[in-house]
Each structure stands twice: as C-alpha cells, then as structure tokens.
Protein backbone atom coordinates (compact mmCIF):
# COMPACT_ATOMS: atom_id res chain seq x y z
CA MET A 1 -0.32 -0.02 -0.22
CA LEU A 2 2.74 2.47 0.86
CA ASN A 3 4.52 1.39 -2.24
CA LYS A 4 1.21 2.41 -4.29
CA PHE A 5 1.10 5.85 -2.52
CA VAL A 6 4.35 6.80 -3.42
CA ILE A 7 4.27 6.06 -7.15
CA TRP A 8 1.46 8.42 -6.87
CA LEU A 9 2.91 11.09 -4.76
CA ASN A 10 5.57 11.43 -7.59
CA TYR A 11 3.24 11.63 -10.63
CA PHE A 12 1.03 14.17 -8.39
CA VAL A 13 4.29 16.49 -7.92
CA ARG A 14 5.42 16.22 -11.22
CA GLN A 15 2.77 17.06 -12.72
CA ASN A 16 1.82 20.06 -10.72
CA PRO A 17 3.69 23.08 -10.71
CA ALA A 18 4.04 24.10 -6.99
CA ARG A 19 6.92 21.38 -7.36
CA TYR A 20 8.93 24.13 -8.04
CA LEU A 21 7.47 25.84 -4.82
CA PHE A 22 8.50 22.58 -2.90
CA THR A 23 12.42 22.06 -4.15
CA ASP A 24 13.05 25.97 -4.14
CA GLN A 25 11.51 25.37 -0.55
CA LEU A 26 13.60 22.07 0.28
CA LEU A 27 16.64 21.62 -1.78
CA GLY A 28 17.59 25.19 -3.43
CA MET A 29 16.55 26.24 -7.16
CA TYR A 30 17.85 23.51 -9.31
CA LEU A 31 19.45 24.74 -12.25
CA GLU A 32 21.55 22.62 -15.54
CA GLU A 33 25.01 23.68 -15.56
CA HIS A 34 24.18 25.74 -19.09
CA GLU A 35 21.05 27.58 -17.68
CA ALA A 36 23.55 28.36 -14.17
CA LYS A 37 26.02 30.23 -17.09
CA LEU A 38 23.51 32.18 -19.46
CA PHE A 39 20.45 33.08 -16.86
CA GLY A 40 23.28 33.57 -14.41
CA ARG A 41 25.56 36.91 -15.70
CA ASP A 42 24.46 40.92 -14.31
CA LEU A 43 22.86 42.58 -17.58
CA GLY A 44 23.04 45.51 -16.49
CA ARG A 45 20.62 47.74 -16.72
CA VAL A 46 18.13 46.88 -19.06
CA ALA A 47 15.02 45.60 -20.03
CA ILE A 48 14.83 41.82 -19.99
CA TRP A 49 11.52 39.85 -21.24
CA ASP A 50 10.84 36.85 -20.42
CA VAL A 51 7.65 35.15 -22.73
CA GLY A 52 6.23 32.34 -21.15
CA ALA A 53 7.76 32.71 -18.07
CA SER A 54 5.70 29.85 -16.49
CA VAL A 55 6.32 29.21 -12.82
CA GLY A 56 9.36 31.52 -13.04
CA LYS A 57 11.88 29.50 -12.77
CA ILE A 58 14.29 31.69 -14.98
CA THR A 59 12.10 34.73 -14.42
CA THR A 60 13.35 34.96 -10.40
CA LEU A 61 16.97 33.70 -11.65
CA MET A 62 17.59 36.63 -13.72
CA ALA A 63 16.20 39.26 -11.38
CA ARG A 64 18.49 37.28 -9.39
CA ASN A 65 22.02 37.89 -11.20
CA SER A 66 20.46 41.63 -12.75
CA PRO A 67 19.64 43.60 -9.89
CA ASN A 68 19.88 46.25 -12.14
CA ALA A 69 17.68 45.55 -15.03
CA ILE A 70 13.36 45.45 -15.13
CA VAL A 71 12.41 41.50 -15.78
CA TYR A 72 8.96 41.32 -17.34
CA ALA A 73 7.49 38.35 -16.93
CA PHE A 74 4.11 37.47 -19.67
CA GLU A 75 2.27 34.32 -18.28
CA PRO A 76 -1.22 33.97 -19.55
CA ASN A 77 -1.84 30.81 -18.01
CA LEU A 78 -3.87 31.61 -14.81
CA ASN A 79 -2.78 28.82 -12.76
CA SER A 80 1.07 29.38 -13.21
CA LEU A 81 0.42 32.97 -12.18
CA TYR A 82 0.07 32.29 -9.17
CA TYR A 83 3.27 30.32 -8.68
CA LEU A 84 4.79 32.88 -10.26
CA GLY A 85 3.63 35.97 -8.04
CA PHE A 86 4.84 34.16 -5.18
CA ARG A 87 8.27 32.86 -6.00
CA THR A 88 8.75 36.59 -7.77
CA ALA A 89 7.64 38.63 -4.49
CA SER A 90 10.73 39.20 -2.98
CA TYR A 91 11.71 40.70 -6.54
CA SER A 92 11.46 44.75 -7.05
CA ASN A 93 12.64 44.58 -10.63
CA VAL A 94 10.07 42.06 -11.69
CA VAL A 95 6.87 43.31 -13.35
CA ILE A 96 4.53 40.06 -13.80
CA VAL A 97 2.53 40.99 -16.87
CA PRO A 98 -0.43 38.54 -17.26
CA CYS A 99 -0.17 38.06 -20.90
CA ALA A 100 0.57 36.31 -23.49
CA LEU A 101 2.90 37.93 -25.88
CA THR A 102 1.79 37.78 -29.76
CA THR A 103 1.85 40.34 -32.53
CA GLU A 104 -0.95 41.81 -32.61
CA GLY A 105 -2.33 42.22 -29.53
CA GLY A 106 -6.49 41.40 -29.00
CA THR A 107 -7.71 37.55 -26.35
CA ILE A 108 -6.69 34.30 -26.61
CA LYS A 109 -8.35 30.96 -25.54
CA GLY A 110 -6.52 30.82 -21.95
CA SER A 111 -5.91 28.19 -20.06
CA TYR A 112 -5.81 26.99 -15.61
CA ASP A 113 -4.72 23.63 -16.16
CA PRO A 114 -1.35 23.28 -14.20
CA ASP A 115 -0.45 20.27 -17.58
CA PHE A 116 1.63 22.98 -20.17
CA ASN A 117 0.69 20.86 -23.15
CA ALA A 118 -2.75 20.44 -23.01
CA LYS A 119 -5.30 22.39 -25.06
CA PRO A 120 -6.37 25.41 -23.71
CA THR A 121 -9.93 24.84 -21.36
CA GLY A 122 -10.37 28.29 -19.68
CA PRO A 123 -11.81 31.61 -20.97
CA LEU A 124 -10.54 34.29 -23.01
CA VAL A 125 -7.08 35.85 -21.62
CA SER A 126 -6.45 39.26 -22.29
CA THR A 127 -2.53 39.37 -25.00
CA ILE A 128 -0.10 42.58 -25.02
CA SER A 129 1.41 43.05 -28.80
CA ILE A 130 4.81 43.30 -29.27
CA ALA A 131 4.36 46.99 -29.99
CA GLU A 132 2.93 47.79 -26.73
CA ALA A 133 5.08 45.82 -24.49
CA ILE A 134 8.15 48.10 -26.26
CA ALA A 135 5.95 51.18 -25.68
CA LYS A 136 5.97 50.39 -21.71
CA SER A 137 9.18 48.53 -21.48
CA GLY A 138 11.93 49.89 -23.82
CA VAL A 139 13.32 47.21 -26.86
CA PRO A 140 14.67 44.37 -24.69
CA THR A 141 17.90 43.65 -24.55
CA PHE A 142 17.38 40.25 -23.98
CA VAL A 143 14.55 37.60 -24.36
CA LYS A 144 13.69 34.02 -23.27
CA MET A 145 10.71 32.81 -25.30
CA ASP A 146 9.02 29.90 -24.29
CA ILE A 147 5.78 29.78 -26.29
CA GLU A 148 4.82 26.42 -26.57
CA GLY A 149 5.22 25.59 -29.98
CA ALA A 150 3.74 29.35 -30.98
CA GLU A 151 7.22 31.52 -31.70
CA PHE A 152 7.68 29.85 -35.24
CA ALA A 153 4.09 31.58 -35.83
CA PHE A 154 5.00 34.66 -34.25
CA PHE A 155 8.35 34.22 -35.86
CA LYS A 156 7.21 35.13 -39.10
CA SER A 157 5.57 37.75 -38.48
CA PRO A 158 7.03 41.02 -39.57
CA GLU A 159 6.20 42.60 -36.39
CA ALA A 160 8.93 40.72 -35.22
CA LYS A 161 11.44 42.58 -36.54
CA ARG A 162 10.94 44.74 -33.92
CA LEU A 163 13.03 42.69 -31.96
CA GLN A 164 15.83 42.50 -33.91
CA SER A 165 18.21 44.52 -32.09
CA SER A 166 17.27 41.98 -28.63
CA THR A 167 19.07 38.70 -28.47
CA ILE A 168 16.47 36.69 -28.68
CA LEU A 169 16.64 32.71 -26.78
CA VAL A 170 14.09 30.44 -27.84
CA ALA A 171 13.37 27.41 -25.18
C-alpha cells in the first residue's frame, strides 16, 4: 500500500507546478549547468523579457543576477500566475505581465490547467502586442521565449522585426 502511495505522490508532484515551490524551499533552485551560465550573469540596467515565464524559474534567476534590470514576466496561464507571483514576490525588479505576448494583441483562449501541454481549457485571456510591450518597457536587450510551440508563427510575423536588436533565446 505504501508503495502505491509513493508512486501516486511522485506522479502528482511531477504534474503540479507547485513542485517548484517545494524544491526551492527544500533543495534550493535546481539549475542545469547551461542555465546557470546563460542566466547567471548580470546584464546591467536593461529590460529583459521572459515570454512564457511559467512559474518563474528563469524569471527569478535573471532578476537575482541582474538586480539593476527590469525583468518582465509574460504569462497567460491562470494557474501559473499564482506560482509566478509567489516566487517573484521578493524581487522588486520583476514586473508580471499576466498576458500572452503576441504580434497583434487581442484575446486568446486561456488555460488554468497545470499541464502546460494540454489544450487551452479556460476563458479568454488578454494578450499584449509587441508594439504595446515595447511602448511600456522599451526594446528588451534579452528575450527568453517559451510559448508552447507558437514561436515559429510569432517570428514569421513582420512585427517580430521590432525585436531584431534583442538577443533572443527560444527555449
């Protein structure tokens, strides 16, 4: 019986975004070597965009290592926003943008499902266009983008040219 419970608990924790909160508290933030090298440097007094911030692993890493930068964390998943807020609450240089970054703005079908690969199941959520985001933050120096496979369509848009001076990492 105990074995079944342990298997279930392992599955549950791996499927739930709260796993990051538990591991941060118990084990410290787990980083791959390449993540530490890439996101562990101070970029100075710049704008950084974390597009598809999820629960904030990379957001907090960039905020901690670039204390003079403003890190804009774009995340439309309603479930993830709670965890993103919890993880970034102690960073005064993080701005949570509870919207998807799109080329034209508008609304998209949202999700509250903790399974990031599931089809959107929730209400419509607002988006912010590249032009609107640049008007509010300036052109970012660095962009980390993980938007669940929509990157190709994003970069096909002429609007994406507004980011041509930015260093962009597609995760």
